[in-house]
Amino acid sequence: VTLSARFAYNSSFNKRLFTGNPFCWYAIAIVSVLQVTLTYIPGLNNKVFSMEDMTGSQWGIVALFMVVMFCVMETEKAMRRKLKMQGKDTDDNEPFIFDEDGAVEEQDGPLAPKGAS
């Protein structure tokens, strides 16, 4: 998901995926090490998080759905690019059912609430 979400509209099937931002690869490496560590450290995985070690087939399922999610996100971006070329609005800026009173509030100043750093 991290690799596909780096570009909002552009495809991730590009050399920029591998060369664009080295910090992305650092983040992926850190999260991968933490996930494997969390999964296999005795006491931490079964006492704190109440889980057991993952088998090879379970890791295979994780890898499969990682690829599926990547392809779904890339398909959505391709559809959004096509719709945008046809003049359709794909930015989701309009008020919708989940917006309060159907009105978009204009934000003055910083986006963080008062007191946040």
C-alpha atoms as a PDB file:
ATOM      1  CA  VAL A   1       0.000   0.000   0.000  1.00  0.00           C
ATOM      2  CA  THR A   2       2.857   2.366   0.808  1.00  0.00           C
ATOM      3  CA  LEU A   3       4.322   2.017  -2.673  1.00  0.00           C
ATOM      4  CA  SER A   4       1.031   2.590  -4.483  1.00  0.00           C
ATOM      5  CA  ALA A   5      -0.156   5.413  -2.223  1.00  0.00           C
ATOM      6  CA  ARG A   6       2.952   7.495  -2.935  1.00  0.00           C
ATOM      7  CA  PHE A   7       1.383   8.844  -6.119  1.00  0.00           C
ATOM      8  CA  ALA A   8      -2.226  10.057  -5.999  1.00  0.00           C
ATOM      9  CA  TYR A   9      -2.941   9.893  -9.745  1.00  0.00           C
ATOM     10  CA  ASN A  10       0.221   8.648 -11.428  1.00  0.00           C
ATOM     11  CA  SER A  11       0.900   4.969 -11.836  1.00  0.00           C
ATOM     12  CA  SER A  12       3.383   3.306  -9.511  1.00  0.00           C
ATOM     13  CA  PHE A  13       4.545   1.085 -12.373  1.00  0.00           C
ATOM     14  CA  ASN A  14       7.442   3.430 -13.025  1.00  0.00           C
ATOM     15  CA  LYS A  15      11.147   3.625 -12.197  1.00  0.00           C
ATOM     16  CA  ARG A  16      10.353   6.497  -9.799  1.00  0.00           C
ATOM     17  CA  LEU A  17       8.866   3.864  -7.495  1.00  0.00           C
ATOM     18  CA  PHE A  18      12.374   2.565  -6.843  1.00  0.00           C
ATOM     19  CA  THR A  19      14.399   5.759  -7.136  1.00  0.00           C
ATOM     20  CA  GLY A  20      12.075   8.604  -6.141  1.00  0.00           C
ATOM     21  CA  ASN A  21      12.276   8.673  -2.346  1.00  0.00           C
ATOM     22  CA  PRO A  22      14.856   6.666  -0.377  1.00  0.00           C
ATOM     23  CA  PHE A  23      13.069   7.397   2.903  1.00  0.00           C
ATOM     24  CA  CYS A  24      10.118   5.325   1.678  1.00  0.00           C
ATOM     25  CA  TRP A  25      12.397   2.295   1.516  1.00  0.00           C
ATOM     26  CA  TYR A  26      13.720   3.021   5.011  1.00  0.00           C
ATOM     27  CA  ALA A  27      10.137   3.136   6.300  1.00  0.00           C
ATOM     28  CA  ILE A  28       9.279  -0.158   4.581  1.00  0.00           C
ATOM     29  CA  ALA A  29      12.385  -1.810   6.041  1.00  0.00           C
ATOM     30  CA  ILE A  30      11.631  -0.542   9.562  1.00  0.00           C
ATOM     31  CA  VAL A  31       7.992  -1.661   9.440  1.00  0.00           C
ATOM     32  CA  SER A  32       8.999  -5.076   8.047  1.00  0.00           C
ATOM     33  CA  VAL A  33      11.577  -5.634  10.799  1.00  0.00           C
ATOM     34  CA  LEU A  34       9.088  -4.539  13.467  1.00  0.00           C
ATOM     35  CA  GLN A  35       6.378  -6.847  12.066  1.00  0.00           C
ATOM     36  CA  VAL A  36       8.640  -9.889  11.992  1.00  0.00           C
ATOM     37  CA  THR A  37      10.026  -9.029  15.445  1.00  0.00           C
ATOM     38  CA  LEU A  38       6.530  -8.644  16.873  1.00  0.00           C
ATOM     39  CA  THR A  39       5.432 -11.913  15.303  1.00  0.00           C
ATOM     40  CA  TYR A  40       8.321 -14.042  16.555  1.00  0.00           C
ATOM     41  CA  ILE A  41       9.487 -12.658  19.946  1.00  0.00           C
ATOM     42  CA  PRO A  42       8.254 -15.095  22.603  1.00  0.00           C
ATOM     43  CA  GLY A  43       6.234 -13.411  25.325  1.00  0.00           C
ATOM     44  CA  LEU A  44       5.558 -10.329  23.240  1.00  0.00           C
ATOM     45  CA  ASN A  45       3.565 -12.125  20.576  1.00  0.00           C
ATOM     46  CA  ASN A  46       1.630 -14.603  22.720  1.00  0.00           C
ATOM     47  CA  LYS A  47       1.274 -12.757  26.051  1.00  0.00           C
ATOM     48  CA  VAL A  48       0.880  -9.120  25.026  1.00  0.00           C
ATOM     49  CA  PHE A  49      -0.846  -9.501  21.645  1.00  0.00           C
ATOM     50  CA  SER A  50      -2.334 -13.027  22.082  1.00  0.00           C
ATOM     51  CA  MET A  51      -1.091 -14.350  18.763  1.00  0.00           C
ATOM     52  CA  GLU A  52       1.014 -17.245  17.540  1.00  0.00           C
ATOM     53  CA  ASP A  53       3.849 -17.480  15.048  1.00  0.00           C
ATOM     54  CA  MET A  54       2.798 -17.332  11.402  1.00  0.00           C
ATOM     55  CA  THR A  55       3.388 -20.293   9.107  1.00  0.00           C
ATOM     56  CA  GLY A  56       4.809 -20.062   5.603  1.00  0.00           C
ATOM     57  CA  SER A  57       1.373 -20.411   4.052  1.00  0.00           C
ATOM     58  CA  GLN A  58       0.057 -17.564   6.228  1.00  0.00           C
ATOM     59  CA  TRP A  59       2.916 -15.328   5.065  1.00  0.00           C
ATOM     60  CA  GLY A  60       2.029 -16.373   1.504  1.00  0.00           C
ATOM     61  CA  ILE A  61      -1.563 -15.221   2.045  1.00  0.00           C
ATOM     62  CA  VAL A  62      -0.256 -11.891   3.361  1.00  0.00           C
ATOM     63  CA  ALA A  63       1.967 -11.494   0.287  1.00  0.00           C
ATOM     64  CA  LEU A  64      -0.897 -12.452  -2.052  1.00  0.00           C
ATOM     65  CA  PHE A  65      -3.270  -9.876  -0.598  1.00  0.00           C
ATOM     66  CA  MET A  66      -0.492  -7.279  -0.597  1.00  0.00           C
ATOM     67  CA  VAL A  67      -0.230  -7.742  -4.378  1.00  0.00           C
ATOM     68  CA  VAL A  68      -4.038  -7.750  -4.741  1.00  0.00           C
ATOM     69  CA  MET A  69      -4.339  -4.471  -2.803  1.00  0.00           C
ATOM     70  CA  PHE A  70      -1.562  -2.894  -4.870  1.00  0.00           C
ATOM     71  CA  CYS A  71      -3.363  -3.876  -8.101  1.00  0.00           C
ATOM     72  CA  VAL A  72      -6.727  -2.612  -6.828  1.00  0.00           C
ATOM     73  CA  MET A  73      -5.201   0.763  -5.912  1.00  0.00           C
ATOM     74  CA  GLU A  74      -3.469   1.012  -9.292  1.00  0.00           C
ATOM     75  CA  THR A  75      -6.744   0.160 -11.063  1.00  0.00           C
ATOM     76  CA  GLU A  76      -8.537   2.903  -9.118  1.00  0.00           C
ATOM     77  CA  LYS A  77      -5.861   5.426 -10.078  1.00  0.00           C
ATOM     78  CA  ALA A  78      -6.120   4.398 -13.746  1.00  0.00           C
ATOM     79  CA  MET A  79      -9.893   4.850 -13.629  1.00  0.00           C
ATOM     80  CA  ARG A  80      -9.515   8.264 -11.966  1.00  0.00           C
ATOM     81  CA  ARG A  81      -6.981   9.345 -14.622  1.00  0.00           C
ATOM     82  CA  LYS A  82      -9.343   8.241 -17.394  1.00  0.00           C
ATOM     83  CA  LEU A  83     -12.323  10.024 -15.835  1.00  0.00           C
ATOM     84  CA  LYS A  84     -10.266  13.175 -15.275  1.00  0.00           C
ATOM     85  CA  MET A  85      -9.248  13.171 -18.970  1.00  0.00           C
ATOM     86  CA  GLN A  86     -12.956  13.013 -19.828  1.00  0.00           C
ATOM     87  CA  GLY A  87     -13.551  16.138 -17.757  1.00  0.00           C
ATOM     88  CA  LYS A  88     -15.109  14.408 -14.748  1.00  0.00           C
ATOM     89  CA  ASP A  89     -14.362  15.569 -11.215  1.00  0.00           C
ATOM     90  CA  THR A  90     -12.328  12.984  -9.334  1.00  0.00           C
ATOM     91  CA  ASP A  91     -10.963  15.150  -6.515  1.00  0.00           C
ATOM     92  CA  ASP A  92     -13.797  14.530  -4.017  1.00  0.00           C
ATOM     93  CA  ASN A  93     -14.016  18.168  -2.937  1.00  0.00           C
ATOM     94  CA  GLU A  94     -17.796  18.432  -2.994  1.00  0.00           C
ATOM     95  CA  PRO A  95     -19.881  18.210   0.173  1.00  0.00           C
ATOM     96  CA  PHE A  96     -21.364  14.782   0.658  1.00  0.00           C
ATOM     97  CA  ILE A  97     -23.503  12.768   3.021  1.00  0.00           C
ATOM     98  CA  PHE A  98     -20.773  12.574   5.671  1.00  0.00           C
ATOM     99  CA  ASP A  99     -20.147  16.326   5.704  1.00  0.00           C
ATOM    100  CA  GLU A 100     -21.999  18.251   8.401  1.00  0.00           C
ATOM    101  CA  ASP A 101     -24.986  20.159   6.998  1.00  0.00           C
ATOM    102  CA  GLY A 102     -23.654  19.540   3.496  1.00  0.00           C
ATOM    103  CA  ALA A 103     -21.476  22.639   3.781  1.00  0.00           C
ATOM    104  CA  VAL A 104     -17.742  22.823   3.360  1.00  0.00           C
ATOM    105  CA  GLU A 105     -16.087  24.944   6.014  1.00  0.00           C
ATOM    106  CA  GLU A 106     -13.416  27.382   4.972  1.00  0.00           C
ATOM    107  CA  GLN A 107     -10.325  26.896   7.089  1.00  0.00           C
ATOM    108  CA  ASP A 108      -8.458  29.988   8.262  1.00  0.00           C
ATOM    109  CA  GLY A 109      -4.944  29.555   9.552  1.00  0.00           C
ATOM    110  CA  PRO A 110      -3.230  26.241  10.296  1.00  0.00           C
ATOM    111  CA  LEU A 111      -5.046  22.930   9.920  1.00  0.00           C
ATOM    112  CA  ALA A 112      -4.035  21.743  13.382  1.00  0.00           C
ATOM    113  CA  PRO A 113      -6.354  22.489  16.316  1.00  0.00           C
ATOM    114  CA  LYS A 114      -5.400  25.081  18.911  1.00  0.00           C
ATOM    115  CA  GLY A 115      -2.778  23.793  21.305  1.00  0.00           C
ATOM    116  CA  ALA A 116      -1.473  21.137  18.911  1.00  0.00           C
ATOM    117  CA  SER A 117       2.135  21.341  17.886  1.00  0.00           C
END
